[in-house]
Amino acid sequence: MDIKLVALDLDDTLLDKSLTVSPRTREVIAQAIAQGVTVTVATGRMYSSALIYAKQLELDVPLITYNGGLIRRVQSGETLYHKPVDEQVAREVLALFGEKGWYIQSYVDDILYVAEHNETSRYYERMTGIKAVALGDAFYTMAGAPTKMLALTGEDKMGEIEQTIRSVFGDRLYIARSKPTYLEMTNPQVNKGHALAFLADKLHITRDQVMAVGDGPNDLDMIEYAGWGVAMGNAAANVKAAAKAVTGHHDADGVAEAIEKYVLQK
């Protein structure tokens, strides 16, 4: 197996339950990089949030963020790819959420916007290390084409929200859950698989030389694209079914285990 590019999801994959990268995983990633392997993250998070971890790992590579909606380099900040949601579609989404009283976040120019600060927004700020900008009622009619919009709610309500969004917007949005309580909405041409294919081509790396590791439904596209798709031990059942291999739990150095076995071949 000749892996040259490794793409790692962040939440519930690279990050443990305390939202940190374990010492063992840091060391294994450093070993892979020393052998000439490109290691990057492929996350639903915004670029500025993913950048925090990329710098901790001393990565100097393009990062796949917003589920593939934005690919941007770490050190130079150069944007290689950006495909936002159509502005009119975004306004319709925001108007619908405002009418229904559902919680939603919008990301424009790598800035996180919300209608108001509340328990949900503060939870998200703590998790990502990013501060949200509250616009009040103006949020629901804001201008700009967002790279992503994110609905957050309890599992009991998410089914209704997802069904409604799919029914109303159809193929005008790419819709996927990154967690049971997170519904990600991006441009319909955006997903992690497309982004990983774009980056591999940019780096002159073949599909067979790519390994992708993830846990959630929004990781399916990149796991199916990669020559070697790996599901975490804590991954959803359909993600495990699509993967070539299953590694350990995200709280048990599953990423380190996968890199050691399939990249370093220890």
Protein backbone atom coordinates (compact mmCIF):
# COMPACT_ATOMS: atom_id res chain seq x y z
CA MET A 1 0.00 0.00 0.00
CA ASP A 2 1.48 3.35 -1.09
CA ILE A 3 -0.48 6.10 0.70
CA LYS A 4 0.66 9.64 -0.18
CA LEU A 5 -2.30 11.70 1.09
CA VAL A 6 -4.22 11.23 4.34
CA ALA A 7 -7.42 13.19 4.99
CA LEU A 8 -8.75 13.20 8.54
CA ASP A 9 -12.11 14.33 9.80
CA LEU A 10 -11.84 16.36 13.02
CA ASP A 11 -14.76 15.84 15.39
CA ASP A 12 -15.17 12.29 16.71
CA THR A 13 -12.25 11.22 14.51
CA LEU A 14 -8.96 13.08 15.01
CA LEU A 15 -10.23 14.77 18.17
CA ASP A 16 -11.01 12.84 21.32
CA LYS A 17 -13.93 13.61 23.63
CA SER A 18 -11.99 16.49 25.18
CA LEU A 19 -11.54 17.99 21.67
CA THR A 20 -7.79 17.43 21.67
CA VAL A 21 -5.34 15.41 19.59
CA SER A 22 -3.68 12.75 21.72
CA PRO A 23 0.15 12.69 22.09
CA ARG A 24 0.32 9.33 20.34
CA THR A 25 -1.67 10.61 17.37
CA ARG A 26 0.50 13.74 17.12
CA GLU A 27 3.62 11.60 17.04
CA VAL A 28 2.27 9.20 14.42
CA ILE A 29 1.17 12.09 12.18
CA ALA A 30 4.65 13.63 12.51
CA GLN A 31 6.19 10.29 11.49
CA ALA A 32 3.99 10.09 8.40
CA ILE A 33 4.87 13.64 7.38
CA ALA A 34 8.57 12.90 7.87
CA GLN A 35 8.18 10.05 5.39
CA GLY A 36 6.80 12.46 2.77
CA VAL A 37 3.08 11.80 3.29
CA THR A 38 0.73 14.79 3.05
CA VAL A 39 -1.63 14.85 6.04
CA THR A 40 -4.59 17.22 6.07
CA VAL A 41 -7.96 17.64 7.72
CA ALA A 42 -11.31 17.36 5.95
CA THR A 43 -13.94 18.83 8.23
CA GLY A 44 -17.33 20.44 8.34
CA ARG A 45 -15.83 23.12 10.57
CA MET A 46 -15.01 26.60 9.36
CA TYR A 47 -11.46 27.31 8.22
CA SER A 48 -10.53 29.47 11.23
CA SER A 49 -11.58 26.68 13.60
CA ALA A 50 -9.73 23.94 11.68
CA LEU A 51 -6.67 26.19 11.49
CA ILE A 52 -6.22 25.97 15.27
CA TYR A 53 -5.57 22.22 15.04
CA ALA A 54 -3.56 22.43 11.83
CA LYS A 55 -1.11 24.80 13.53
CA GLN A 56 -0.88 22.54 16.58
CA LEU A 57 0.11 19.70 14.25
CA GLU A 58 2.48 21.99 12.33
CA LEU A 59 0.73 21.23 9.04
CA ASP A 60 1.60 23.34 6.00
CA VAL A 61 -0.99 22.02 3.57
CA PRO A 62 -4.36 23.00 2.09
CA LEU A 63 -7.20 22.30 4.53
CA ILE A 64 -10.58 20.96 3.40
CA THR A 65 -13.17 22.87 5.42
CA TYR A 66 -16.95 23.49 5.38
CA ASN A 67 -17.45 19.90 4.14
CA GLY A 68 -15.42 20.77 1.05
CA GLY A 69 -16.87 24.21 0.41
CA LEU A 70 -13.52 25.90 1.05
CA ILE A 71 -9.98 24.64 0.54
CA ARG A 72 -7.35 27.03 1.86
CA ARG A 73 -3.67 26.74 2.72
CA VAL A 74 -2.46 26.96 6.32
CA GLN A 75 0.54 29.27 6.16
CA SER A 76 -0.21 31.58 3.22
CA GLY A 77 -4.01 31.57 3.58
CA GLU A 78 -4.27 31.11 -0.20
CA THR A 79 -7.71 29.92 -1.30
CA LEU A 80 -7.57 27.04 -3.77
CA TYR A 81 -11.29 26.37 -3.99
CA HIS A 82 -14.46 28.07 -2.78
CA LYS A 83 -18.03 27.15 -3.69
CA PRO A 84 -20.61 28.98 -1.54
CA VAL A 85 -24.37 28.48 -1.37
CA ASP A 86 -26.31 30.56 -3.90
CA GLU A 87 -27.26 33.81 -2.17
CA GLN A 88 -30.95 33.58 -3.09
CA VAL A 89 -31.17 30.00 -1.84
CA ALA A 90 -29.46 31.06 1.39
CA ARG A 91 -32.00 33.84 1.94
CA GLU A 92 -34.85 31.39 1.44
CA VAL A 93 -33.30 29.00 3.97
CA LEU A 94 -32.83 31.73 6.55
CA ALA A 95 -36.36 33.02 6.02
CA LEU A 96 -37.78 29.52 6.52
CA PHE A 97 -35.82 28.98 9.72
CA GLY A 98 -36.90 32.39 10.99
CA GLU A 99 -40.54 31.60 10.25
CA LYS A 100 -40.33 28.18 11.95
CA GLY A 101 -38.34 29.45 14.92
CA TRP A 102 -35.58 26.88 14.25
CA TYR A 103 -31.96 27.58 15.18
CA ILE A 104 -29.49 28.10 12.32
CA GLN A 105 -25.99 29.50 11.83
CA SER A 106 -24.55 31.01 8.65
CA TYR A 107 -20.90 31.36 7.64
CA VAL A 108 -19.94 34.18 5.28
CA ASP A 109 -16.29 35.03 4.53
CA ASP A 110 -15.25 32.65 7.34
CA ILE A 111 -17.26 34.61 9.92
CA LEU A 112 -19.90 32.86 12.00
CA TYR A 113 -23.26 34.66 12.16
CA VAL A 114 -26.28 33.94 14.36
CA ALA A 115 -29.52 35.74 15.12
CA GLU A 116 -28.80 35.96 18.83
CA HIS A 117 -26.49 34.62 21.49
CA ASN A 118 -28.14 31.78 23.38
CA GLU A 119 -27.30 28.44 24.94
CA THR A 120 -26.82 26.80 21.55
CA SER A 121 -24.53 29.48 20.13
CA ARG A 122 -22.47 29.58 23.32
CA TYR A 123 -22.08 25.79 23.26
CA TYR A 124 -20.85 25.99 19.67
CA GLU A 125 -18.43 28.79 20.54
CA ARG A 126 -16.92 26.71 23.34
CA MET A 127 -16.56 23.68 21.10
CA THR A 128 -14.96 25.47 18.14
CA GLY A 129 -13.06 28.30 19.80
CA ILE A 130 -14.79 30.81 17.50
CA LYS A 131 -16.95 33.77 18.53
CA ALA A 132 -20.29 34.27 16.77
CA VAL A 133 -21.56 37.62 15.52
CA ALA A 134 -25.22 38.20 16.49
CA LEU A 135 -27.27 40.27 14.03
CA GLY A 136 -30.73 40.17 15.58
CA ASP A 137 -33.66 39.98 13.15
CA ALA A 138 -31.40 41.28 10.37
CA PHE A 139 -29.78 37.83 10.37
CA TYR A 140 -32.76 36.33 8.55
CA THR A 141 -32.42 38.74 5.61
CA MET A 142 -28.63 39.14 5.61
CA ALA A 143 -26.79 39.57 2.32
CA GLY A 144 -23.88 37.44 1.18
CA ALA A 145 -23.37 33.92 -0.11
CA PRO A 146 -22.54 31.63 2.84
CA THR A 147 -19.98 28.88 2.49
CA LYS A 148 -22.20 26.81 4.77
CA MET A 149 -25.30 26.97 6.93
CA LEU A 150 -25.74 24.76 9.97
CA ALA A 151 -28.89 23.79 11.85
CA LEU A 152 -28.48 22.59 15.43
CA THR A 153 -31.25 21.02 17.48
CA GLY A 154 -32.14 17.94 19.50
CA GLU A 155 -32.33 14.56 17.79
CA ASP A 156 -36.08 14.50 18.36
CA LYS A 157 -36.58 17.58 16.15
CA MET A 158 -33.81 17.06 13.59
CA GLY A 159 -35.78 14.56 11.54
CA GLU A 160 -38.55 17.08 10.91
CA ILE A 161 -36.06 19.80 9.97
CA GLU A 162 -34.10 17.56 7.61
CA GLN A 163 -37.24 16.27 5.92
CA THR A 164 -38.54 19.82 5.43
CA ILE A 165 -35.25 21.13 4.00
CA ARG A 166 -34.92 18.20 1.60
CA SER A 167 -38.52 18.64 0.49
CA VAL A 168 -38.34 22.40 -0.05
CA PHE A 169 -34.83 22.75 -1.48
CA GLY A 170 -34.21 19.40 -3.14
CA ASP A 171 -31.07 19.50 -5.26
CA ARG A 172 -30.46 23.19 -4.59
CA LEU A 173 -28.49 22.21 -1.46
CA TYR A 174 -26.14 19.46 -0.38
CA ILE A 175 -27.54 18.25 2.95
CA ALA A 176 -25.80 15.93 5.38
CA ARG A 177 -25.61 15.27 9.09
CA SER A 178 -22.17 15.55 10.66
CA LYS A 179 -23.61 14.64 14.08
CA PRO A 180 -27.11 13.44 15.03
CA THR A 181 -27.91 17.02 16.08
CA TYR A 182 -26.05 18.87 13.26
CA LEU A 183 -27.53 19.39 9.78
CA GLU A 184 -25.00 20.78 7.31
CA MET A 185 -26.16 22.70 4.24
CA THR A 186 -23.77 23.66 1.43
CA ASN A 187 -23.71 24.23 -2.32
CA PRO A 188 -25.05 21.09 -4.08
CA GLN A 189 -21.70 20.64 -5.84
CA VAL A 190 -19.88 20.47 -2.50
CA ASN A 191 -18.93 17.43 -0.43
CA LYS A 192 -15.76 16.05 1.11
CA GLY A 193 -15.31 13.52 -1.68
CA HIS A 194 -15.27 16.17 -4.41
CA ALA A 195 -12.89 18.30 -2.36
CA LEU A 196 -10.52 15.41 -1.71
CA ALA A 197 -10.47 14.53 -5.42
CA PHE A 198 -9.69 18.19 -6.24
CA LEU A 199 -6.84 18.30 -3.73
CA ALA A 200 -5.37 14.95 -4.79
CA ASP A 201 -5.32 16.13 -8.41
CA LYS A 202 -3.69 19.40 -7.34
CA LEU A 203 -0.96 17.43 -5.55
CA HIS A 204 -0.60 14.94 -8.44
CA ILE A 205 -1.64 12.07 -6.20
CA THR A 206 -3.75 9.22 -7.54
CA ARG A 207 -6.96 8.02 -5.93
CA ASP A 208 -5.31 4.75 -4.92
CA GLN A 209 -2.74 6.73 -2.93
CA VAL A 210 -5.38 8.46 -0.77
CA MET A 211 -6.58 7.38 2.66
CA ALA A 212 -9.59 9.08 4.25
CA VAL A 213 -10.69 8.56 7.85
CA GLY A 214 -14.04 9.63 9.27
CA ASP A 215 -17.07 8.73 11.34
CA GLY A 216 -20.19 10.57 10.18
CA PRO A 217 -22.58 10.61 7.22
CA ASN A 218 -20.85 13.74 5.88
CA ASP A 219 -17.65 11.64 5.62
CA LEU A 220 -19.22 9.04 3.35
CA ASP A 221 -18.30 10.76 0.09
CA MET A 222 -14.61 11.00 0.90
CA ILE A 223 -14.45 7.48 2.32
CA GLU A 224 -16.02 6.16 -0.88
CA TYR A 225 -13.68 8.28 -3.05
CA ALA A 226 -10.45 7.33 -1.30
CA GLY A 227 -8.52 4.29 -2.43
CA TRP A 228 -8.43 3.34 1.23
CA GLY A 229 -11.44 4.57 3.19
CA VAL A 230 -11.32 3.97 6.92
CA ALA A 231 -14.20 4.27 9.40
CA MET A 232 -13.69 5.00 13.07
CA GLY A 233 -14.77 2.43 15.63
CA ASN A 234 -17.40 4.95 16.76
CA ALA A 235 -18.63 5.58 13.20
CA ALA A 236 -22.21 5.26 12.02
CA ALA A 237 -23.15 1.83 10.66
CA ASN A 238 -23.49 3.03 7.06
CA VAL A 239 -20.04 4.64 7.22
CA LYS A 240 -18.49 1.39 8.43
CA ALA A 241 -20.26 -0.48 5.65
CA ALA A 242 -18.78 1.85 3.02
CA ALA A 243 -15.22 1.71 4.35
CA LYS A 244 -12.44 -0.68 3.39
CA ALA A 245 -11.41 -0.95 7.03
CA VAL A 246 -12.55 -0.03 10.54
CA THR A 247 -10.07 1.34 13.07
CA GLY A 248 -10.35 2.09 16.79
CA HIS A 249 -12.56 4.53 18.66
CA HIS A 250 -11.74 8.24 18.60
CA ASP A 251 -11.05 8.02 22.35
CA ALA A 252 -8.67 5.11 21.81
CA ASP A 253 -6.25 6.58 19.22
CA GLY A 254 -8.14 5.17 16.26
CA VAL A 255 -6.50 7.62 13.85
CA ALA A 256 -3.01 6.74 15.11
CA GLU A 257 -3.85 3.05 14.72
CA ALA A 258 -4.96 3.54 11.10
CA ILE A 259 -1.89 5.58 10.13
CA GLU A 260 0.46 3.11 11.78
CA LYS A 261 -1.16 0.15 10.05
CA TYR A 262 -1.89 1.45 6.57
CA VAL A 263 0.57 4.32 6.05
CA LEU A 264 3.62 3.53 8.18
CA GLN A 265 2.81 -0.19 7.83
CA LYS A 266 4.10 -1.08 11.26
